[in-house]
Amino acid sequence: MNAPLAQAVILVGGRGTRLGALTDSLPKPLADIAGRPFLDWQIEEVARFGFSKITLLAGYKADAIAERYAGRGVRGAVVEVLTEAEARGTAGALTLFADRLDPRFLLMNGDTLFPINLLDLAARAGRTPVTMALRRTAPDGRYGTVDVAEGGAILGFRARSLDSGGPINAGIYVIDHAIVDEIAPGRSVSLEAEIFPHLATEGRMRGALYDAPFIDIGVPADLERAQREIPAMVRRPAVFLDRDGVLIVDDGYPHDPARIRWIAGAVEAVKRLNDAGYYVFVVTNQAGVARGLYPESQIAVAHRWMSGVLAEQGAHVDGFEYCAHHPQAPLAEWRRDCRRRKPAPGMIEDILSRWPIDRERSFLVGDKPSDLAAARAAGVAAHLFAGPDLLAFLAERI
């Protein structure tokens, strides 16, 4: 299995001529959507999947993009902006910055939003040089369609037609750097028109079908539609999971990855939630720190290990929240009656304040009455998990 992806590359260099006068003064990805630039929405959606680096390949009015995003941190990812002096097409931009690209990376268009589980796409890529996310049905006749075999191999591409029903290229790809090395440098080259048809003919592309909503802000009508639909897309229900006893076996303050054991069905349950469109958060009391059993830094070690295991299976947690305080802690620096320590609702309230969550459709899964009390105090439904299989438990509730 391939290593988890660390880099997401977003193509933001286009002129956006179909939007008319709007892009005379700003690049298309900075078009306003419900009071924020479109690229804000897109970067936040990408960053939540655990990418450490988001690379923007800019061209037209690149200074405006660099001013807003260069060096910015978003949900744990650092954004960098690379600028091409002249337009070289979607493939040409990759060759220009080939030395800044990881051996395997996510690539996406900077004018579309297709909120799928990006780690599922990476997991399904296997060893194929290019894997393309496909929307199963075409929203209208504006888009060309993709011929895809039952096993996922992409056979070719068809021109747009009013009679086409899909699937369509959704503008998200997992790409091996070796493909970039094959592109002739120094000229304008299109991935869609030149590179992808060639790879399909050689049997070196596959597609992954998804049913998520799709927004392309390239024309005025869809830009207007995006004002309503994008905020609705990102407002999702969340599932809050206790850690010890729900995701991993609670054998007494687990903290060493070498000894952590997953609850049956836990990894699969997280992926099921990801695929179903839920935000997923871990909310865990970690009094082992207050008792001097391990340092606070060990919590991050365990969570990074858990995230790595999940990513290998196409799954992720949007955020790990913990409280290491205890009102009777042996260590004075941790002796505190903290608003974040369950049964207090602080961890859940903090998440609700930072993320666009549909509280009414959200719920918590815990194995102790204190977990359930914290959820209810935050206005979130709660379910008591007594084992043995988390996937089977959640399958009845989502």
Protein backbone atom coordinates (compact mmCIF):
# COMPACT_ATOMS: atom_id res chain seq x y z
CA MET A 1 0.00 0.00 0.00
CA ASN A 2 1.21 3.52 -0.79
CA ALA A 3 2.33 5.84 2.00
CA PRO A 4 -0.27 8.43 3.05
CA LEU A 5 -0.22 11.58 0.93
CA ALA A 6 1.34 14.67 2.51
CA GLN A 7 1.02 17.24 -0.30
CA ALA A 8 -2.08 18.64 -1.99
CA VAL A 9 -1.49 20.80 -5.08
CA ILE A 10 -4.18 23.21 -6.27
CA LEU A 11 -4.09 24.78 -9.75
CA VAL A 12 -5.06 28.45 -9.37
CA GLY A 13 -3.37 30.05 -12.37
CA GLY A 14 -6.22 30.37 -14.88
CA ARG A 15 -7.67 33.64 -16.20
CA GLY A 16 -11.36 32.77 -15.78
CA THR A 17 -12.52 34.56 -18.92
CA ARG A 18 -16.04 33.10 -18.79
CA LEU A 19 -16.71 35.16 -15.66
CA GLY A 20 -16.27 38.35 -17.65
CA ALA A 21 -15.43 41.59 -15.84
CA LEU A 22 -15.34 39.88 -12.44
CA THR A 23 -11.85 38.51 -13.10
CA ASP A 24 -10.49 41.78 -14.47
CA SER A 25 -9.59 42.75 -10.91
CA LEU A 26 -9.06 39.42 -9.15
CA PRO A 27 -8.19 35.80 -9.96
CA LYS A 28 -11.12 33.42 -10.28
CA PRO A 29 -10.31 31.38 -7.12
CA LEU A 30 -10.75 34.56 -5.05
CA ALA A 31 -14.31 35.11 -6.27
CA ASP A 32 -16.57 35.82 -3.31
CA ILE A 33 -18.71 32.95 -2.06
CA ALA A 34 -21.02 33.85 0.82
CA GLY A 35 -18.61 36.49 2.10
CA ARG A 36 -15.36 34.53 1.65
CA PRO A 37 -13.09 33.73 -1.30
CA PHE A 38 -13.88 30.44 -2.97
CA LEU A 39 -10.31 29.30 -2.30
CA ASP A 40 -10.87 29.66 1.46
CA TRP A 41 -13.64 27.08 1.29
CA GLN A 42 -11.55 24.75 -0.87
CA ILE A 43 -8.36 24.95 1.21
CA GLU A 44 -10.23 24.29 4.45
CA GLU A 45 -11.94 21.28 2.92
CA VAL A 46 -8.59 19.86 1.74
CA ALA A 47 -6.69 20.61 4.94
CA ARG A 48 -9.02 18.62 7.17
CA PHE A 49 -7.76 15.38 5.60
CA GLY A 50 -4.36 15.71 7.27
CA PHE A 51 -2.18 17.09 4.46
CA SER A 52 0.88 18.78 5.90
CA LYS A 53 1.46 21.00 2.84
CA ILE A 54 -0.93 22.68 0.40
CA THR A 55 0.80 24.05 -2.69
CA LEU A 56 -0.96 26.67 -4.81
CA LEU A 57 0.31 26.93 -8.39
CA ALA A 58 -0.58 30.51 -9.30
CA GLY A 59 -0.36 32.54 -12.49
CA TYR A 60 -2.90 35.22 -13.31
CA LYS A 61 -2.84 37.94 -10.60
CA ALA A 62 -0.71 35.67 -8.47
CA ASP A 63 0.23 38.50 -6.11
CA ALA A 64 -3.32 38.59 -4.74
CA ILE A 65 -3.20 34.86 -4.01
CA ALA A 66 0.26 35.04 -2.44
CA GLU A 67 -0.73 37.97 -0.26
CA ARG A 68 -3.66 36.07 1.22
CA TYR A 69 -2.27 32.54 1.50
CA ALA A 70 1.53 32.32 1.38
CA GLY A 71 2.80 30.87 4.65
CA ARG A 72 -0.67 30.59 6.13
CA GLY A 73 -1.53 27.69 8.41
CA VAL A 74 -4.92 26.04 7.90
CA ARG A 75 -6.06 23.16 10.14
CA GLY A 76 -2.49 21.93 10.56
CA ALA A 77 -1.43 22.38 6.91
CA VAL A 78 1.02 25.04 5.72
CA VAL A 79 0.16 26.81 2.46
CA GLU A 80 2.83 27.75 -0.07
CA VAL A 81 2.31 29.74 -3.28
CA LEU A 82 4.43 29.09 -6.39
CA THR A 83 4.07 31.52 -9.31
CA GLU A 84 4.61 30.85 -13.01
CA ALA A 85 5.76 33.88 -15.03
CA GLU A 86 3.63 32.90 -18.03
CA ALA A 87 0.73 30.53 -18.55
CA ARG A 88 1.86 26.99 -19.34
CA GLY A 89 -1.38 25.05 -19.04
CA THR A 90 -2.32 22.60 -16.31
CA ALA A 91 0.50 20.17 -17.13
CA GLY A 92 3.09 22.80 -17.93
CA ALA A 93 2.70 24.30 -14.48
CA LEU A 94 3.59 20.93 -12.95
CA THR A 95 6.79 20.62 -14.99
CA LEU A 96 7.86 24.13 -14.02
CA PHE A 97 7.72 23.24 -10.33
CA ALA A 98 8.59 19.55 -10.59
CA ASP A 99 11.28 19.86 -7.93
CA ARG A 100 8.68 21.09 -5.42
CA LEU A 101 6.33 18.13 -5.86
CA ASP A 102 6.27 15.01 -3.69
CA PRO A 103 6.82 11.56 -5.24
CA ARG A 104 3.03 11.10 -5.02
CA PHE A 105 0.60 13.98 -4.50
CA LEU A 106 -3.00 15.07 -4.71
CA LEU A 107 -3.81 17.49 -7.54
CA MET A 108 -7.02 19.48 -7.91
CA ASN A 109 -8.50 22.29 -9.94
CA GLY A 110 -8.86 25.60 -8.13
CA ASP A 111 -12.35 26.37 -9.41
CA THR A 112 -14.30 23.26 -8.39
CA LEU A 113 -15.51 21.81 -5.11
CA PHE A 114 -16.30 18.11 -4.87
CA PRO A 115 -16.45 17.15 -1.17
CA ILE A 116 -15.42 13.51 -1.22
CA ASN A 117 -13.26 11.49 1.15
CA LEU A 118 -9.88 12.41 -0.35
CA LEU A 119 -8.09 9.67 1.55
CA ASP A 120 -10.45 7.11 0.06
CA LEU A 121 -9.35 8.30 -3.38
CA ALA A 122 -5.70 7.90 -2.31
CA ALA A 123 -6.34 4.42 -0.93
CA ARG A 124 -8.09 3.35 -4.13
CA ALA A 125 -5.26 4.63 -6.33
CA GLY A 126 -3.06 1.62 -5.64
CA ARG A 127 -0.05 1.66 -7.97
CA THR A 128 -1.84 3.34 -10.87
CA PRO A 129 0.12 6.42 -12.06
CA VAL A 130 -2.98 8.64 -12.20
CA THR A 131 -6.29 8.10 -10.43
CA MET A 132 -9.13 10.47 -11.20
CA ALA A 133 -12.15 11.24 -9.03
CA LEU A 134 -15.31 10.89 -11.10
CA ARG A 135 -18.74 12.26 -10.39
CA ARG A 136 -21.06 9.43 -11.26
CA THR A 137 -23.60 11.63 -13.05
CA ALA A 138 -23.11 14.81 -15.08
CA PRO A 139 -24.88 17.89 -13.68
CA ASP A 140 -25.63 19.17 -17.21
CA GLY A 141 -24.36 19.05 -20.78
CA ARG A 142 -21.43 21.40 -20.10
CA TYR A 143 -19.03 18.59 -19.32
CA GLY A 144 -17.34 15.91 -21.34
CA THR A 145 -17.74 12.38 -20.02
CA VAL A 146 -15.32 9.60 -19.13
CA ASP A 147 -15.47 6.03 -20.38
CA VAL A 148 -14.61 3.82 -17.42
CA ALA A 149 -14.50 0.03 -17.26
CA GLU A 150 -16.24 -1.92 -14.53
CA GLY A 151 -12.95 -2.45 -12.70
CA GLY A 152 -12.14 1.27 -12.74
CA ALA A 153 -9.76 1.52 -15.71
CA ILE A 154 -10.32 4.71 -17.71
CA LEU A 155 -10.73 3.83 -21.38
CA GLY A 156 -11.10 7.30 -22.88
CA PHE A 157 -12.90 10.63 -22.91
CA ARG A 158 -15.92 11.91 -24.81
CA ALA A 159 -16.72 15.47 -25.83
CA ARG A 160 -19.52 17.33 -24.07
CA SER A 161 -23.05 16.52 -25.19
CA LEU A 162 -26.53 17.50 -24.07
CA ASP A 163 -27.36 13.80 -23.99
CA SER A 164 -24.44 12.83 -21.75
CA GLY A 165 -25.27 11.46 -18.34
CA GLY A 166 -21.83 10.94 -16.86
CA PRO A 167 -19.53 10.12 -15.32
CA ILE A 168 -17.48 13.32 -15.50
CA ASN A 169 -13.98 14.30 -14.48
CA ALA A 170 -14.41 16.01 -11.08
CA GLY A 171 -11.00 17.71 -11.18
CA ILE A 172 -9.26 15.78 -8.38
CA TYR A 173 -6.38 13.37 -9.03
CA VAL A 174 -3.75 11.30 -7.26
CA ILE A 175 -0.60 11.53 -9.40
CA ASP A 176 2.80 9.86 -9.39
CA HIS A 177 5.70 12.24 -9.95
CA ALA A 178 6.94 9.93 -12.70
CA ILE A 179 4.10 11.21 -14.88
CA VAL A 180 5.34 14.79 -14.46
CA ASP A 181 8.80 13.66 -15.54
CA GLU A 182 7.30 12.39 -18.82
CA ILE A 183 5.81 15.79 -19.76
CA ALA A 184 7.95 17.84 -22.13
CA PRO A 185 9.05 20.99 -20.26
CA GLY A 186 9.13 24.55 -21.53
CA ARG A 187 5.78 24.73 -23.32
CA SER A 188 2.09 25.02 -22.56
CA VAL A 189 0.56 21.58 -22.04
CA SER A 190 -2.93 20.54 -20.95
CA LEU A 191 -3.42 17.57 -18.64
CA GLU A 192 -7.01 17.12 -19.77
CA ALA A 193 -6.53 17.52 -23.53
CA GLU A 194 -3.07 16.00 -24.05
CA ILE A 195 -1.72 13.96 -21.14
CA PHE A 196 -4.78 12.12 -19.81
CA PRO A 197 -6.03 10.77 -23.20
CA HIS A 198 -2.54 9.40 -23.85
CA LEU A 199 -2.37 7.72 -20.44
CA ALA A 200 -5.85 6.24 -20.87
CA THR A 201 -4.80 4.71 -24.20
CA GLU A 202 -1.84 3.10 -22.46
CA GLY A 203 -3.99 1.76 -19.62
CA ARG A 204 -2.30 3.92 -16.99
CA MET A 205 -5.33 5.71 -15.57
CA ARG A 206 -8.15 4.61 -13.34
CA GLY A 207 -11.24 6.32 -12.03
CA ALA A 208 -13.08 6.24 -8.72
CA LEU A 209 -16.80 6.98 -8.80
CA TYR A 210 -18.49 9.20 -6.19
CA ASP A 211 -21.97 10.65 -5.72
CA ALA A 212 -21.06 13.87 -3.90
CA PRO A 213 -22.43 17.29 -4.91
CA PHE A 214 -20.32 19.17 -7.43
CA ILE A 215 -19.72 22.90 -7.92
CA ASP A 216 -17.72 24.53 -10.73
CA ILE A 217 -17.55 28.32 -10.41
CA GLY A 218 -16.33 28.82 -13.99
CA VAL A 219 -19.52 30.40 -15.34
CA PRO A 220 -21.73 33.13 -13.82
CA ALA A 221 -24.76 30.89 -13.27
CA ASP A 222 -22.77 28.34 -11.26
CA LEU A 223 -20.96 31.09 -9.35
CA GLU A 224 -24.36 32.34 -8.26
CA ARG A 225 -25.48 28.82 -7.36
CA ALA A 226 -22.33 28.39 -5.28
CA GLN A 227 -23.42 31.22 -2.98
CA ARG A 228 -26.14 28.95 -1.61
CA GLU A 229 -24.76 25.49 -2.11
CA ILE A 230 -21.18 25.69 -0.82
CA PRO A 231 -22.11 26.79 2.73
CA ALA A 232 -24.66 23.97 2.76
CA MET A 233 -22.06 21.47 1.51
CA VAL A 234 -19.63 22.11 4.34
CA ARG A 235 -22.24 22.24 7.11
CA ARG A 236 -22.25 18.59 8.12
CA PRO A 237 -23.24 16.51 11.13
CA ALA A 238 -20.38 15.42 13.36
CA VAL A 239 -19.71 12.28 15.34
CA PHE A 240 -17.76 12.76 18.55
CA LEU A 241 -15.91 9.62 19.62
CA ASP A 242 -14.42 8.91 23.00
CA ARG A 243 -11.01 7.33 22.52
CA ASP A 244 -10.19 4.75 25.19
CA GLY A 245 -12.89 2.11 25.18
CA VAL A 246 -14.46 3.24 21.89
CA LEU A 247 -11.64 3.45 19.34
CA ILE A 248 -8.86 1.69 21.23
CA VAL A 249 -8.88 -0.83 24.06
CA ASP A 250 -8.85 0.81 27.48
CA ASP A 251 -6.29 -1.32 29.30
CA GLY A 252 -5.25 1.42 31.70
CA TYR A 253 -4.10 4.75 30.25
CA PRO A 254 -3.02 3.52 26.79
CA HIS A 255 -0.39 5.83 25.29
CA ASP A 256 2.36 3.74 23.67
CA PRO A 257 1.64 2.94 19.99
CA ALA A 258 3.51 -0.32 20.34
CA ARG A 259 0.90 -1.50 22.83
CA ILE A 260 -2.26 0.16 21.53
CA ARG A 261 -4.96 -2.23 20.30
CA TRP A 262 -7.89 -1.09 18.19
CA ILE A 263 -11.45 -1.91 19.17
CA ALA A 264 -13.00 -4.34 16.68
CA GLY A 265 -14.41 -2.45 13.70
CA ALA A 266 -13.03 0.92 14.84
CA VAL A 267 -10.92 1.79 11.80
CA GLU A 268 -13.69 0.65 9.49
CA ALA A 269 -16.23 2.68 11.47
CA VAL A 270 -14.23 5.89 11.07
CA LYS A 271 -13.99 5.30 7.32
CA ARG A 272 -17.71 4.60 7.11
CA LEU A 273 -18.36 7.95 8.79
CA ASN A 274 -15.92 9.71 6.44
CA ASP A 275 -17.55 8.18 3.37
CA ALA A 276 -21.01 9.10 4.64
CA GLY A 277 -19.99 12.76 4.94
CA TYR A 278 -19.72 13.18 8.71
CA TYR A 279 -17.07 15.18 10.47
CA VAL A 280 -15.27 12.91 12.96
CA PHE A 281 -13.72 14.14 16.20
CA VAL A 282 -12.06 12.39 19.12
CA VAL A 283 -12.77 13.86 22.58
CA THR A 284 -10.73 12.18 25.30
CA ASN A 285 -9.81 12.71 28.94
CA GLN A 286 -6.11 12.00 29.44
CA ALA A 287 -5.62 11.99 33.18
CA GLY A 288 -2.55 9.78 32.78
CA VAL A 289 -0.63 13.02 32.23
CA ALA A 290 -1.98 14.50 35.48
CA ARG A 291 -1.01 11.30 37.29
CA GLY A 292 2.56 11.46 35.96
CA LEU A 293 2.28 8.25 33.93
CA TYR A 294 3.44 9.84 30.66
CA PRO A 295 4.23 13.38 29.40
CA GLU A 296 1.68 15.48 27.55
CA SER A 297 3.78 15.16 24.37
CA GLN A 298 2.99 11.43 24.33
CA ILE A 299 -0.65 12.18 23.55
CA ALA A 300 0.37 13.69 20.21
CA VAL A 301 2.61 10.69 19.52
CA ALA A 302 -0.32 8.32 19.99
CA HIS A 303 -2.65 10.45 17.89
CA ARG A 304 -0.16 10.75 15.02
CA TRP A 305 0.20 6.97 15.04
CA MET A 306 -3.57 6.52 15.02
CA SER A 307 -3.91 9.00 12.15
CA GLY A 308 -1.31 7.08 10.15
CA VAL A 309 -3.11 3.76 10.60
CA LEU A 310 -6.41 5.36 9.62
CA ALA A 311 -4.91 7.06 6.54
CA GLU A 312 -3.59 3.74 5.24
CA GLN A 313 -7.21 2.56 5.15
CA GLY A 314 -8.56 5.75 3.57
CA ALA A 315 -9.91 7.16 6.84
CA HIS A 316 -9.21 10.18 9.02
CA VAL A 317 -10.20 12.07 12.16
CA ASP A 318 -10.86 15.77 11.63
CA GLY A 319 -9.55 16.70 15.05
CA PHE A 320 -8.27 15.17 18.28
CA GLU A 321 -9.26 17.08 21.42
CA TYR A 322 -8.05 16.08 24.87
CA CYS A 323 -8.04 17.27 28.45
CA ALA A 324 -5.13 16.25 30.70
CA HIS A 325 -6.43 17.99 33.84
CA HIS A 326 -7.82 16.26 36.91
CA PRO A 327 -9.21 17.94 40.05
CA GLN A 328 -7.21 15.56 42.30
CA ALA A 329 -4.09 15.32 40.16
CA PRO A 330 -0.88 14.30 41.94
CA LEU A 331 0.98 16.81 39.74
CA ALA A 332 0.08 20.35 40.79
CA GLU A 333 0.33 21.86 37.30
CA TRP A 334 -2.49 19.59 36.13
CA ARG A 335 -4.66 19.88 39.24
CA ARG A 336 -7.68 21.75 37.96
CA ASP A 337 -11.44 21.40 37.60
CA CYS A 338 -11.34 22.09 33.87
CA ARG A 339 -14.31 23.00 31.66
CA ARG A 340 -12.93 20.62 29.01
CA ARG A 341 -12.74 17.55 31.21
CA LYS A 342 -15.75 15.29 30.69
CA PRO A 343 -18.45 15.28 32.02
CA ALA A 344 -18.01 19.02 31.36
CA PRO A 345 -18.84 19.88 27.72
CA GLY A 346 -15.86 22.14 26.92
CA MET A 347 -14.12 19.97 24.31
CA ILE A 348 -17.34 19.52 22.36
CA GLU A 349 -18.27 23.19 22.70
CA ASP A 350 -14.86 24.25 21.41
CA ILE A 351 -15.25 22.07 18.32
CA LEU A 352 -18.76 23.37 17.69
CA SER A 353 -17.44 26.94 17.83
CA ARG A 354 -14.71 26.31 15.23
CA TRP A 355 -16.36 24.04 12.68
CA PRO A 356 -19.52 24.38 10.52
CA ILE A 357 -21.37 21.56 12.28
CA ASP A 358 -25.04 20.65 12.08
CA ARG A 359 -25.59 20.12 15.80
CA GLU A 360 -29.09 18.67 15.41
CA ARG A 361 -27.82 15.71 13.38
CA SER A 362 -24.65 15.16 15.39
CA PHE A 363 -24.03 12.64 18.15
CA LEU A 364 -21.39 11.28 20.53
CA VAL A 365 -20.36 7.70 21.16
CA GLY A 366 -18.84 7.00 24.57
CA ASP A 367 -18.36 4.10 26.95
CA LYS A 368 -18.90 5.96 30.24
CA PRO A 369 -21.73 8.03 31.74
CA SER A 370 -19.35 11.03 31.84
CA ASP A 371 -19.05 10.92 28.05
CA LEU A 372 -22.80 10.99 27.62
CA ALA A 373 -23.20 13.77 30.18
CA ALA A 374 -20.70 15.96 28.31
CA ALA A 375 -22.58 15.51 25.05
CA ARG A 376 -25.94 16.29 26.55
CA ALA A 377 -24.55 19.40 28.24
CA ALA A 378 -23.37 20.55 24.81
CA GLY A 379 -26.76 19.88 23.24
CA VAL A 380 -25.63 16.81 21.30
CA ALA A 381 -27.26 13.37 21.28
CA ALA A 382 -25.29 10.57 22.92
CA HIS A 383 -25.02 6.79 22.66
CA LEU A 384 -23.42 4.37 25.12
CA PHE A 385 -21.06 1.87 23.48
CA ALA A 386 -20.55 -1.40 25.34
CA GLY A 387 -18.74 -3.27 22.55
CA PRO A 388 -17.78 -5.42 20.92
CA ASP A 389 -17.75 -3.98 17.35
CA LEU A 390 -17.86 -0.24 16.66
CA LEU A 391 -18.69 -0.59 12.96
CA ALA A 392 -21.73 -2.74 13.72
CA PHE A 393 -22.75 -0.29 16.46
CA LEU A 394 -22.59 2.73 14.15
CA ALA A 395 -24.19 0.96 11.20
CA GLU A 396 -27.48 1.07 13.10
CA ARG A 397 -27.18 4.83 13.75
CA ILE A 398 -26.10 6.44 10.49
